[in-house]
Amino acid sequence: MPDQIEERVALLEAEVARLKTKVEDSASSRPWWEKITGTFANNPAYDEAMHLGQEYRKSLRPGSSESPAS
């Protein structure tokens, strides 16, 4: 039984070391928003979605004569 415990502790220590390395690596890497910059460049569907979203937000403003899209 002590051998099993030592083996399990060794496995857990190795896993903790691996996780620490992963956390340290991700802390020094670029933020997620910088990693995805340009993902939707020249994408007509994205451009249309942004346009429709802008129209919808404008329609919600007080005094807007436009009604929200259904």
Protein backbone atom coordinates (compact mmCIF):
# COMPACT_ATOMS: atom_id res chain seq x y z
CA MET A 1 0.00 0.00 0.00
CA PRO A 2 2.76 2.58 0.73
CA ASP A 3 4.19 1.88 -2.73
CA GLN A 4 0.81 2.70 -4.30
CA ILE A 5 0.60 5.95 -2.36
CA GLU A 6 4.13 6.94 -3.39
CA GLU A 7 3.30 6.15 -7.01
CA ARG A 8 0.09 8.20 -6.86
CA VAL A 9 1.91 11.13 -5.22
CA ALA A 10 4.59 11.00 -7.91
CA LEU A 11 1.90 11.07 -10.62
CA LEU A 12 0.14 13.97 -8.93
CA GLU A 13 3.39 15.90 -8.59
CA ALA A 14 4.11 15.38 -12.28
CA GLU A 15 0.61 16.58 -13.20
CA VAL A 16 0.94 19.66 -10.98
CA ALA A 17 4.28 20.48 -12.62
CA ARG A 18 2.68 20.11 -16.07
CA LEU A 19 -0.22 22.36 -15.10
CA LYS A 20 2.11 24.99 -13.63
CA THR A 21 4.07 25.06 -16.88
CA LYS A 22 0.86 25.42 -18.87
CA VAL A 23 -0.36 28.30 -16.69
CA GLU A 24 2.99 30.07 -16.82
CA ASP A 25 3.14 29.69 -20.61
CA SER A 26 -0.38 31.04 -21.08
CA ALA A 27 0.29 33.97 -18.74
CA SER A 28 3.17 35.12 -20.91
CA SER A 29 1.34 34.63 -24.21
CA ARG A 30 -0.75 37.24 -26.01
CA PRO A 31 -4.29 37.98 -24.81
CA TRP A 32 -7.06 36.06 -26.61
CA TRP A 33 -8.39 39.14 -28.39
CA GLU A 34 -5.00 39.72 -29.99
CA LYS A 35 -4.85 36.10 -31.13
CA ILE A 36 -8.14 36.41 -33.05
CA THR A 37 -7.47 39.82 -34.60
CA GLY A 38 -8.20 39.65 -38.30
CA THR A 39 -10.13 36.39 -38.11
CA PHE A 40 -13.12 37.91 -39.90
CA ALA A 41 -11.20 40.16 -42.30
CA ASN A 42 -12.82 40.35 -45.73
CA ASN A 43 -15.74 38.17 -44.61
CA PRO A 44 -19.02 39.41 -46.15
CA ALA A 45 -21.15 37.51 -43.61
CA TYR A 46 -19.34 39.24 -40.73
CA ASP A 47 -19.72 42.64 -42.39
CA GLU A 48 -23.44 42.03 -42.88
CA ALA A 49 -23.87 40.90 -39.26
CA MET A 50 -22.15 44.07 -38.04
CA HIS A 51 -24.35 46.21 -40.29
CA LEU A 52 -27.54 44.50 -39.12
CA GLY A 53 -26.49 44.82 -35.49
CA GLN A 54 -25.83 48.53 -35.95
CA GLU A 55 -29.24 49.02 -37.58
CA TYR A 56 -30.92 47.16 -34.73
CA ARG A 57 -29.15 49.21 -32.05
CA LYS A 58 -30.10 52.41 -33.85
CA SER A 59 -33.73 51.29 -33.93
CA LEU A 60 -33.73 50.94 -30.14
CA ARG A 61 -32.66 54.54 -29.54
CA PRO A 62 -35.34 56.88 -28.23
CA GLY A 63 -37.01 58.85 -30.99
CA SER A 64 -35.97 56.39 -33.70
CA SER A 65 -38.51 56.05 -36.46
CA GLU A 66 -37.22 52.59 -37.37
CA SER A 67 -38.74 49.54 -35.74
CA PRO A 68 -36.57 46.61 -34.57
CA ALA A 69 -36.15 43.79 -37.06
CA SER A 70 -38.13 40.67 -36.20
